[in-house]
Amino acid sequence: MTRADPRADTSTWGEHGGSYSADGRYRWSYEHAIGDGAATICWIGLHPATGDSGGRRRPTLQRMVDRSLDLGFGRILLVNLFSWRCDDFIALSAAAASGEDIVGAETDERIAGAIERCDRAVAAWGDKGDFLDRGTQVAERLGPFECLGTTASGQPRQPLYVPAAVELVSFTP
C-alpha cells in the first residue's frame, strides 16, 4: 500500500475531523476521507489519545488508515469504548479512580451511530477492553463486529501490533 493520496497521511490531520465535548476532555468520534473508495469503515478503539491536539505522531491511527485503504475503504470513522482523552491506560485508570466519567455521556450513542453509518465495524481495543467490563458491554449491545484476531484474554487485538497480512475475522465476546 502506498500513501500517495495526501488524505491518508494522518500527520497532517490535527483535530480536523474530530467531534469533541465543549471542554475538550472527551472525543466522541474522529472521521476522515482517506481515499477514493465510497465505503466507510468504523474502528472501535480503547480511548482517544491527545496527539490530535498535541501535534504528535499517531501510529495506531495511521495503522488503521493503512489497513482501511488496503481493504478498499474511502473513509474511516473512529470511536472508542472510553471517550476520555488521555495518552495511556495508566492515566485512564487513574481518572476513573478519581471519579471521572471516563466513558462519557455521548459515547454509546456515538458508537451506535457510527456502526449504523458504516459498511464494516472493527473491534480494535486490545487487552484493556476488559476494564470496567466495557468491551463486553459494547460488543453484546452493539455487535457483531470483526477484529484482527483476539488476545489471550479474548479481547480484539489492537491494530498497531498486528501484521498487515492478518485478515479480519468475526468477533464475539
N, C-alpha and C. Protein backbone atom coordinates (compact mmCIF):
# COMPACT_ATOMS: atom_id res chain seq x y z
N MET A 1 0.85 -1.18 0.00
CA MET A 1 0.00 0.00 0.00
C MET A 1 0.89 1.23 0.00
N THR A 2 0.53 2.18 -0.80
CA THR A 2 1.25 3.44 -0.83
C THR A 2 0.32 4.58 -0.44
N ARG A 3 0.84 5.51 0.28
CA ARG A 3 0.04 6.65 0.72
C ARG A 3 0.26 7.84 -0.20
N ALA A 4 0.11 7.66 -1.49
CA ALA A 4 0.28 8.75 -2.43
C ALA A 4 -0.82 9.80 -2.23
N ASP A 5 -1.98 9.37 -1.81
CA ASP A 5 -3.10 10.28 -1.57
C ASP A 5 -2.86 11.00 -0.24
N PRO A 6 -2.71 12.33 -0.25
CA PRO A 6 -2.43 13.06 0.99
C PRO A 6 -3.53 12.94 2.03
N ARG A 7 -4.73 12.53 1.63
CA ARG A 7 -5.81 12.36 2.60
C ARG A 7 -5.50 11.25 3.58
N ALA A 8 -4.59 10.33 3.23
CA ALA A 8 -4.28 9.18 4.07
C ALA A 8 -3.10 9.42 5.01
N ASP A 9 -2.52 10.60 4.98
CA ASP A 9 -1.37 10.92 5.84
C ASP A 9 -1.89 11.55 7.14
N THR A 10 -1.97 10.77 8.20
CA THR A 10 -2.56 11.25 9.45
C THR A 10 -1.75 12.34 10.13
N SER A 11 -0.49 12.52 9.76
CA SER A 11 0.34 13.53 10.41
C SER A 11 -0.16 14.94 10.15
N THR A 12 -0.99 15.11 9.14
CA THR A 12 -1.49 16.45 8.81
C THR A 12 -2.90 16.71 9.33
N TRP A 13 -3.52 15.74 9.96
CA TRP A 13 -4.93 15.88 10.31
C TRP A 13 -5.22 16.78 11.50
N GLY A 14 -4.38 16.77 12.52
CA GLY A 14 -4.67 17.55 13.72
C GLY A 14 -6.03 17.19 14.29
N GLU A 15 -6.77 18.19 14.70
CA GLU A 15 -8.11 17.97 15.26
C GLU A 15 -9.19 17.95 14.19
N HIS A 16 -8.84 18.31 12.97
CA HIS A 16 -9.82 18.34 11.89
C HIS A 16 -10.42 16.95 11.69
N GLY A 17 -11.72 16.87 11.79
CA GLY A 17 -12.42 15.60 11.64
C GLY A 17 -12.90 15.02 12.96
N GLY A 18 -12.48 15.63 14.06
CA GLY A 18 -12.88 15.13 15.37
C GLY A 18 -14.12 15.82 15.90
N SER A 19 -14.87 15.11 16.70
CA SER A 19 -16.03 15.65 17.39
C SER A 19 -15.72 15.59 18.89
N TYR A 20 -15.71 16.76 19.55
CA TYR A 20 -15.24 16.87 20.92
C TYR A 20 -16.31 17.46 21.84
N SER A 21 -16.19 17.17 23.12
CA SER A 21 -17.04 17.83 24.10
C SER A 21 -16.63 19.30 24.14
N ALA A 22 -17.52 20.15 24.66
CA ALA A 22 -17.25 21.59 24.71
C ALA A 22 -15.97 21.90 25.48
N ASP A 23 -15.65 21.12 26.50
CA ASP A 23 -14.45 21.38 27.29
C ASP A 23 -13.21 20.66 26.75
N GLY A 24 -13.37 19.88 25.68
CA GLY A 24 -12.25 19.20 25.05
C GLY A 24 -11.75 17.97 25.78
N ARG A 25 -12.39 17.59 26.85
CA ARG A 25 -11.94 16.43 27.64
C ARG A 25 -12.34 15.09 27.02
N TYR A 26 -13.34 15.12 26.16
CA TYR A 26 -13.82 13.91 25.51
C TYR A 26 -13.74 14.09 23.99
N ARG A 27 -13.37 13.02 23.31
CA ARG A 27 -13.51 13.00 21.85
C ARG A 27 -14.50 11.90 21.54
N TRP A 28 -15.61 12.30 20.92
CA TRP A 28 -16.69 11.35 20.65
C TRP A 28 -16.40 10.52 19.41
N SER A 29 -15.82 11.13 18.39
CA SER A 29 -15.54 10.40 17.16
C SER A 29 -14.47 11.16 16.37
N TYR A 30 -13.95 10.48 15.37
CA TYR A 30 -12.92 11.07 14.51
C TYR A 30 -13.13 10.48 13.13
N GLU A 31 -13.34 11.33 12.12
CA GLU A 31 -13.69 10.83 10.79
C GLU A 31 -12.91 11.57 9.71
N HIS A 32 -12.48 10.83 8.70
CA HIS A 32 -11.73 11.42 7.59
C HIS A 32 -11.92 10.65 6.30
N ALA A 33 -11.87 11.39 5.19
CA ALA A 33 -11.73 10.76 3.88
C ALA A 33 -10.27 10.32 3.79
N ILE A 34 -10.07 9.10 3.28
CA ILE A 34 -8.71 8.58 3.19
C ILE A 34 -8.34 8.14 1.78
N GLY A 35 -9.29 8.06 0.90
CA GLY A 35 -9.01 7.59 -0.45
C GLY A 35 -10.24 7.74 -1.33
N ASP A 36 -10.24 7.04 -2.44
CA ASP A 36 -11.31 7.19 -3.42
C ASP A 36 -12.49 6.25 -3.25
N GLY A 37 -12.37 5.26 -2.39
CA GLY A 37 -13.47 4.33 -2.19
C GLY A 37 -14.69 5.01 -1.59
N ALA A 38 -15.86 4.48 -1.88
CA ALA A 38 -17.11 5.07 -1.39
C ALA A 38 -17.49 4.55 -0.01
N ALA A 39 -16.96 3.41 0.38
CA ALA A 39 -17.38 2.77 1.63
C ALA A 39 -16.63 3.37 2.84
N THR A 40 -17.29 3.28 4.00
CA THR A 40 -16.73 3.77 5.26
C THR A 40 -16.55 2.60 6.21
N ILE A 41 -15.41 2.60 6.90
CA ILE A 41 -15.12 1.58 7.91
C ILE A 41 -15.06 2.25 9.28
N CYS A 42 -15.62 1.59 10.27
CA CYS A 42 -15.61 2.07 11.65
C CYS A 42 -14.65 1.22 12.46
N TRP A 43 -13.73 1.86 13.15
CA TRP A 43 -12.82 1.18 14.08
C TRP A 43 -13.22 1.59 15.49
N ILE A 44 -13.33 0.62 16.38
CA ILE A 44 -13.68 0.89 17.77
C ILE A 44 -12.45 0.60 18.62
N GLY A 45 -11.81 1.66 19.09
CA GLY A 45 -10.60 1.54 19.89
C GLY A 45 -10.89 1.61 21.38
N LEU A 46 -9.84 1.78 22.16
CA LEU A 46 -9.98 1.83 23.62
C LEU A 46 -10.31 3.23 24.10
N HIS A 47 -9.42 4.19 23.82
CA HIS A 47 -9.64 5.58 24.23
C HIS A 47 -8.87 6.49 23.29
N PRO A 48 -9.34 7.74 23.13
CA PRO A 48 -8.62 8.68 22.27
C PRO A 48 -7.43 9.28 23.02
N ALA A 49 -6.31 9.32 22.35
CA ALA A 49 -5.13 9.99 22.91
C ALA A 49 -5.24 11.49 22.61
N THR A 50 -4.24 12.23 22.98
CA THR A 50 -4.27 13.68 22.79
C THR A 50 -3.36 14.13 21.66
N GLY A 51 -2.84 13.20 20.86
CA GLY A 51 -1.94 13.55 19.77
C GLY A 51 -2.58 14.43 18.73
N ASP A 52 -3.91 14.35 18.58
CA ASP A 52 -4.59 15.18 17.58
C ASP A 52 -4.43 16.65 17.89
N SER A 53 -4.53 17.04 19.16
CA SER A 53 -4.35 18.45 19.51
C SER A 53 -2.92 18.77 19.91
N GLY A 54 -2.13 17.74 20.22
CA GLY A 54 -0.75 17.96 20.63
C GLY A 54 0.24 17.91 19.48
N GLY A 55 -0.24 17.62 18.27
CA GLY A 55 0.63 17.58 17.11
C GLY A 55 1.61 16.42 17.11
N ARG A 56 1.30 15.39 17.88
CA ARG A 56 2.21 14.23 17.95
C ARG A 56 1.83 13.17 16.92
N ARG A 57 2.79 12.35 16.59
CA ARG A 57 2.59 11.22 15.70
C ARG A 57 1.56 10.27 16.31
N ARG A 58 0.70 9.68 15.49
CA ARG A 58 -0.34 8.77 15.96
C ARG A 58 -0.25 7.46 15.20
N PRO A 59 0.67 6.59 15.63
CA PRO A 59 0.91 5.35 14.88
C PRO A 59 -0.28 4.41 14.80
N THR A 60 -1.10 4.32 15.84
CA THR A 60 -2.26 3.43 15.78
C THR A 60 -3.25 3.93 14.74
N LEU A 61 -3.52 5.21 14.73
CA LEU A 61 -4.43 5.78 13.73
C LEU A 61 -3.87 5.53 12.33
N GLN A 62 -2.59 5.74 12.13
CA GLN A 62 -2.01 5.52 10.81
C GLN A 62 -2.14 4.06 10.40
N ARG A 63 -1.95 3.14 11.34
CA ARG A 63 -2.10 1.72 11.02
C ARG A 63 -3.54 1.41 10.62
N MET A 64 -4.52 2.01 11.31
CA MET A 64 -5.93 1.80 10.95
C MET A 64 -6.22 2.34 9.55
N VAL A 65 -5.67 3.50 9.25
CA VAL A 65 -5.88 4.10 7.93
C VAL A 65 -5.26 3.22 6.85
N ASP A 66 -4.03 2.79 7.05
CA ASP A 66 -3.35 1.95 6.06
C ASP A 66 -4.14 0.66 5.82
N ARG A 67 -4.60 0.04 6.91
CA ARG A 67 -5.37 -1.19 6.80
C ARG A 67 -6.68 -0.93 6.06
N SER A 68 -7.33 0.18 6.36
CA SER A 68 -8.60 0.55 5.72
C SER A 68 -8.42 0.76 4.22
N LEU A 69 -7.34 1.41 3.84
CA LEU A 69 -7.05 1.60 2.42
C LEU A 69 -6.80 0.27 1.73
N ASP A 70 -6.06 -0.60 2.39
CA ASP A 70 -5.80 -1.93 1.82
C ASP A 70 -7.10 -2.70 1.57
N LEU A 71 -8.10 -2.43 2.40
CA LEU A 71 -9.40 -3.09 2.27
C LEU A 71 -10.32 -2.39 1.28
N GLY A 72 -9.88 -1.25 0.73
CA GLY A 72 -10.66 -0.54 -0.29
C GLY A 72 -11.58 0.53 0.23
N PHE A 73 -11.44 0.94 1.47
CA PHE A 73 -12.34 1.96 2.03
C PHE A 73 -11.87 3.37 1.67
N GLY A 74 -12.82 4.27 1.56
CA GLY A 74 -12.53 5.66 1.25
C GLY A 74 -12.68 6.60 2.42
N ARG A 75 -13.31 6.12 3.50
CA ARG A 75 -13.48 6.92 4.71
C ARG A 75 -13.22 6.04 5.91
N ILE A 76 -12.72 6.68 6.97
CA ILE A 76 -12.51 6.00 8.24
C ILE A 76 -13.25 6.78 9.31
N LEU A 77 -13.88 6.06 10.21
CA LEU A 77 -14.58 6.64 11.34
C LEU A 77 -14.11 5.91 12.58
N LEU A 78 -13.57 6.63 13.53
CA LEU A 78 -13.02 6.05 14.74
C LEU A 78 -13.82 6.48 15.95
N VAL A 79 -14.23 5.50 16.75
CA VAL A 79 -14.88 5.73 18.04
C VAL A 79 -14.15 4.86 19.07
N ASN A 80 -14.45 5.05 20.34
CA ASN A 80 -13.73 4.34 21.39
C ASN A 80 -14.66 3.88 22.50
N LEU A 81 -14.25 2.83 23.22
CA LEU A 81 -15.01 2.37 24.38
C LEU A 81 -15.12 3.45 25.44
N PHE A 82 -14.02 4.19 25.62
CA PHE A 82 -13.95 5.30 26.57
C PHE A 82 -13.63 6.56 25.77
N SER A 83 -14.38 7.63 25.97
CA SER A 83 -14.14 8.85 25.20
C SER A 83 -13.23 9.84 25.92
N TRP A 84 -12.84 9.54 27.14
CA TRP A 84 -11.93 10.39 27.91
C TRP A 84 -10.58 10.44 27.20
N ARG A 85 -10.09 11.63 26.93
CA ARG A 85 -8.83 11.80 26.21
C ARG A 85 -7.65 11.77 27.17
N CYS A 86 -6.73 10.85 26.93
CA CYS A 86 -5.51 10.75 27.72
C CYS A 86 -4.50 9.95 26.90
N ASP A 87 -3.26 9.95 27.33
CA ASP A 87 -2.23 9.35 26.50
C ASP A 87 -1.88 7.90 26.80
N ASP A 88 -2.40 7.35 27.88
CA ASP A 88 -2.12 5.94 28.14
C ASP A 88 -3.14 5.37 29.12
N PHE A 89 -3.11 4.06 29.27
CA PHE A 89 -4.08 3.38 30.12
C PHE A 89 -3.90 3.75 31.59
N ILE A 90 -2.69 4.01 32.02
CA ILE A 90 -2.46 4.40 33.41
C ILE A 90 -3.23 5.68 33.73
N ALA A 91 -3.18 6.66 32.82
CA ALA A 91 -3.92 7.91 33.02
C ALA A 91 -5.42 7.67 32.98
N LEU A 92 -5.86 6.77 32.11
CA LEU A 92 -7.29 6.45 32.02
C LEU A 92 -7.78 5.82 33.31
N SER A 93 -7.05 4.84 33.83
CA SER A 93 -7.49 4.17 35.06
C SER A 93 -7.38 5.11 36.26
N ALA A 94 -6.40 6.01 36.27
CA ALA A 94 -6.28 6.99 37.35
C ALA A 94 -7.46 7.96 37.32
N ALA A 95 -7.87 8.37 36.13
CA ALA A 95 -9.03 9.26 36.02
C ALA A 95 -10.29 8.56 36.54
N ALA A 96 -10.44 7.29 36.21
CA ALA A 96 -11.60 6.53 36.70
C ALA A 96 -11.55 6.42 38.22
N ALA A 97 -10.37 6.15 38.77
CA ALA A 97 -10.22 6.02 40.22
C ALA A 97 -10.52 7.32 40.94
N SER A 98 -10.29 8.45 40.27
CA SER A 98 -10.56 9.74 40.90
C SER A 98 -12.00 10.20 40.70
N GLY A 99 -12.81 9.35 40.06
CA GLY A 99 -14.23 9.66 39.93
C GLY A 99 -14.64 10.28 38.61
N GLU A 100 -13.72 10.42 37.67
CA GLU A 100 -14.08 10.97 36.36
C GLU A 100 -14.96 9.97 35.61
N ASP A 101 -15.86 10.48 34.81
CA ASP A 101 -16.67 9.65 33.92
C ASP A 101 -15.83 9.43 32.67
N ILE A 102 -15.08 8.34 32.64
CA ILE A 102 -14.18 8.11 31.51
C ILE A 102 -14.89 7.55 30.28
N VAL A 103 -16.10 7.02 30.46
CA VAL A 103 -16.86 6.55 29.30
C VAL A 103 -17.37 7.75 28.53
N GLY A 104 -18.03 8.67 29.18
CA GLY A 104 -18.57 9.86 28.54
C GLY A 104 -20.03 9.69 28.18
N ALA A 105 -20.81 10.74 28.41
CA ALA A 105 -22.26 10.70 28.27
C ALA A 105 -22.73 10.36 26.85
N GLU A 106 -21.98 10.74 25.84
CA GLU A 106 -22.41 10.53 24.45
C GLU A 106 -21.79 9.29 23.80
N THR A 107 -20.94 8.60 24.50
CA THR A 107 -20.13 7.55 23.87
C THR A 107 -20.96 6.44 23.25
N ASP A 108 -21.85 5.83 23.98
CA ASP A 108 -22.62 4.70 23.43
C ASP A 108 -23.46 5.13 22.23
N GLU A 109 -24.04 6.32 22.31
CA GLU A 109 -24.84 6.85 21.20
C GLU A 109 -23.95 7.07 19.97
N ARG A 110 -22.75 7.57 20.19
CA ARG A 110 -21.83 7.82 19.07
C ARG A 110 -21.33 6.51 18.46
N ILE A 111 -21.06 5.52 19.29
CA ILE A 111 -20.64 4.22 18.75
C ILE A 111 -21.77 3.62 17.92
N ALA A 112 -22.98 3.63 18.45
CA ALA A 112 -24.13 3.08 17.72
C ALA A 112 -24.34 3.81 16.40
N GLY A 113 -24.25 5.13 16.42
CA GLY A 113 -24.42 5.92 15.20
C GLY A 113 -23.35 5.63 14.17
N ALA A 114 -22.12 5.46 14.64
CA ALA A 114 -21.01 5.16 13.73
C ALA A 114 -21.22 3.81 13.06
N ILE A 115 -21.63 2.83 13.84
CA ILE A 115 -21.84 1.49 13.30
C ILE A 115 -22.96 1.52 12.25
N GLU A 116 -24.02 2.25 12.52
CA GLU A 116 -25.14 2.35 11.58
C GLU A 116 -24.71 2.98 10.26
N ARG A 117 -23.81 3.94 10.31
CA ARG A 117 -23.37 4.67 9.11
C ARG A 117 -22.32 3.94 8.29
N CYS A 118 -21.67 2.97 8.88
CA CYS A 118 -20.51 2.35 8.24
C CYS A 118 -20.85 1.02 7.57
N ASP A 119 -19.99 0.65 6.65
CA ASP A 119 -20.16 -0.60 5.93
C ASP A 119 -19.59 -1.78 6.69
N ARG A 120 -18.57 -1.54 7.53
CA ARG A 120 -17.97 -2.58 8.37
C ARG A 120 -17.57 -1.94 9.69
N ALA A 121 -17.66 -2.73 10.76
CA ALA A 121 -17.24 -2.27 12.09
C ALA A 121 -16.19 -3.23 12.63
N VAL A 122 -15.07 -2.67 13.08
CA VAL A 122 -13.95 -3.48 13.55
C VAL A 122 -13.64 -3.15 15.00
N ALA A 123 -13.74 -4.15 15.86
CA ALA A 123 -13.35 -4.01 17.27
C ALA A 123 -11.82 -4.06 17.32
N ALA A 124 -11.22 -3.07 18.02
CA ALA A 124 -9.76 -2.96 18.00
C ALA A 124 -9.22 -2.38 19.30
N TRP A 125 -9.84 -2.76 20.42
CA TRP A 125 -9.48 -2.10 21.67
C TRP A 125 -8.38 -2.78 22.48
N GLY A 126 -7.96 -3.95 22.13
CA GLY A 126 -6.85 -4.60 22.83
C GLY A 126 -7.24 -5.14 24.21
N ASP A 127 -6.23 -5.63 24.92
CA ASP A 127 -6.44 -6.28 26.22
C ASP A 127 -7.16 -5.44 27.26
N LYS A 128 -6.98 -4.14 27.22
CA LYS A 128 -7.58 -3.28 28.26
C LYS A 128 -9.08 -3.07 28.07
N GLY A 129 -9.66 -3.67 27.03
CA GLY A 129 -11.10 -3.57 26.83
C GLY A 129 -11.90 -4.23 27.93
N ASP A 130 -11.24 -5.04 28.76
CA ASP A 130 -11.95 -5.66 29.88
C ASP A 130 -12.09 -4.71 31.06
N PHE A 131 -11.45 -3.53 31.00
CA PHE A 131 -11.54 -2.56 32.08
C PHE A 131 -13.00 -2.12 32.23
N LEU A 132 -13.51 -2.21 33.43
CA LEU A 132 -14.91 -1.89 33.75
C LEU A 132 -15.89 -2.72 32.90
N ASP A 133 -15.40 -3.85 32.36
CA ASP A 133 -16.18 -4.76 31.52
C ASP A 133 -16.75 -4.05 30.29
N ARG A 134 -16.09 -2.99 29.88
CA ARG A 134 -16.61 -2.13 28.82
C ARG A 134 -16.66 -2.83 27.45
N GLY A 135 -15.63 -3.58 27.10
CA GLY A 135 -15.63 -4.24 25.80
C GLY A 135 -16.79 -5.21 25.65
N THR A 136 -17.04 -5.99 26.68
CA THR A 136 -18.15 -6.94 26.64
C THR A 136 -19.48 -6.21 26.52
N GLN A 137 -19.65 -5.13 27.29
CA GLN A 137 -20.90 -4.37 27.23
C GLN A 137 -21.18 -3.86 25.82
N VAL A 138 -20.17 -3.26 25.21
CA VAL A 138 -20.35 -2.69 23.88
C VAL A 138 -20.57 -3.79 22.84
N ALA A 139 -19.78 -4.85 22.92
CA ALA A 139 -19.92 -5.94 21.94
C ALA A 139 -21.29 -6.61 22.03
N GLU A 140 -21.76 -6.85 23.25
CA GLU A 140 -23.06 -7.51 23.41
C GLU A 140 -24.21 -6.61 22.98
N ARG A 141 -24.08 -5.32 23.23
CA ARG A 141 -25.15 -4.38 22.90
C ARG A 141 -25.14 -3.97 21.43
N LEU A 142 -23.96 -3.79 20.86
CA LEU A 142 -23.86 -3.18 19.53
C LEU A 142 -23.25 -4.06 18.46
N GLY A 143 -22.70 -5.23 18.84
CA GLY A 143 -22.07 -6.12 17.86
C GLY A 143 -23.11 -6.75 16.95
N PRO A 144 -22.69 -7.63 16.08
CA PRO A 144 -21.36 -8.24 15.99
C PRO A 144 -20.37 -7.33 15.27
N PHE A 145 -19.10 -7.59 15.53
CA PHE A 145 -18.02 -6.85 14.92
C PHE A 145 -17.07 -7.82 14.24
N GLU A 146 -16.10 -7.25 13.55
CA GLU A 146 -14.97 -8.01 13.07
C GLU A 146 -13.77 -7.58 13.90
N CYS A 147 -12.67 -8.31 13.80
CA CYS A 147 -11.45 -7.93 14.50
C CYS A 147 -10.26 -8.54 13.79
N LEU A 148 -9.08 -8.18 14.25
CA LEU A 148 -7.82 -8.70 13.70
C LEU A 148 -7.31 -9.84 14.57
N GLY A 149 -8.22 -10.69 15.00
CA GLY A 149 -7.87 -11.77 15.92
C GLY A 149 -8.05 -11.29 17.35
N THR A 150 -7.88 -12.21 18.28
CA THR A 150 -8.07 -11.86 19.69
C THR A 150 -6.80 -12.13 20.49
N THR A 151 -6.73 -11.46 21.63
CA THR A 151 -5.62 -11.63 22.55
C THR A 151 -5.84 -12.91 23.37
N ALA A 152 -4.88 -13.26 24.19
CA ALA A 152 -5.01 -14.45 25.04
C ALA A 152 -6.21 -14.34 25.97
N SER A 153 -6.59 -13.09 26.33
CA SER A 153 -7.73 -12.90 27.22
C SER A 153 -9.05 -12.75 26.47
N GLY A 154 -9.02 -12.93 25.13
CA GLY A 154 -10.25 -12.90 24.34
C GLY A 154 -10.67 -11.53 23.86
N GLN A 155 -9.85 -10.52 24.04
CA GLN A 155 -10.18 -9.17 23.57
C GLN A 155 -9.69 -9.02 22.13
N PRO A 156 -10.35 -8.15 21.34
CA PRO A 156 -9.89 -7.93 19.96
C PRO A 156 -8.53 -7.23 19.95
N ARG A 157 -7.66 -7.70 19.10
CA ARG A 157 -6.29 -7.17 19.05
C ARG A 157 -6.26 -5.71 18.62
N GLN A 158 -5.30 -4.99 19.17
CA GLN A 158 -5.05 -3.59 18.84
C GLN A 158 -4.25 -3.56 17.54
N PRO A 159 -4.65 -2.82 16.51
CA PRO A 159 -4.04 -2.91 15.19
C PRO A 159 -2.55 -2.56 15.11
N LEU A 160 -2.06 -1.77 16.01
CA LEU A 160 -0.65 -1.36 15.93
C LEU A 160 0.29 -2.55 15.97
N TYR A 161 -0.11 -3.59 16.65
CA TYR A 161 0.77 -4.74 16.85
C TYR A 161 0.42 -5.95 15.99
N VAL A 162 -0.39 -5.75 14.96
CA VAL A 162 -0.85 -6.86 14.12
C VAL A 162 -0.24 -6.70 12.73
N PRO A 163 0.42 -7.73 12.22
CA PRO A 163 1.00 -7.66 10.87
C PRO A 163 -0.08 -7.38 9.81
N ALA A 164 0.30 -6.68 8.77
CA ALA A 164 -0.64 -6.29 7.71
C ALA A 164 -1.29 -7.48 7.02
N ALA A 165 -0.65 -8.62 7.03
CA ALA A 165 -1.20 -9.80 6.34
C ALA A 165 -2.36 -10.46 7.09
N VAL A 166 -2.57 -10.10 8.36
CA VAL A 166 -3.64 -10.71 9.15
C VAL A 166 -4.99 -10.20 8.64
N GLU A 167 -5.91 -11.13 8.38
CA GLU A 167 -7.22 -10.78 7.87
C GLU A 167 -8.22 -10.57 8.99
N LEU A 168 -9.26 -9.80 8.69
CA LEU A 168 -10.35 -9.59 9.64
C LEU A 168 -11.13 -10.89 9.82
N VAL A 169 -11.53 -11.15 11.06
CA VAL A 169 -12.35 -12.30 11.40
C VAL A 169 -13.52 -11.83 12.26
N SER A 170 -14.51 -12.67 12.41
CA SER A 170 -15.67 -12.34 13.23
C SER A 170 -15.25 -12.26 14.71
N PHE A 171 -15.85 -11.32 15.44
CA PHE A 171 -15.56 -11.18 16.87
C PHE A 171 -16.85 -11.28 17.67
N THR A 172 -16.86 -12.17 18.64
CA THR A 172 -17.92 -12.24 19.63
C THR A 172 -17.25 -12.44 20.98
N PRO A 173 -17.70 -11.71 21.99
CA PRO A 173 -17.05 -11.81 23.30
C PRO A 173 -17.29 -13.16 23.98
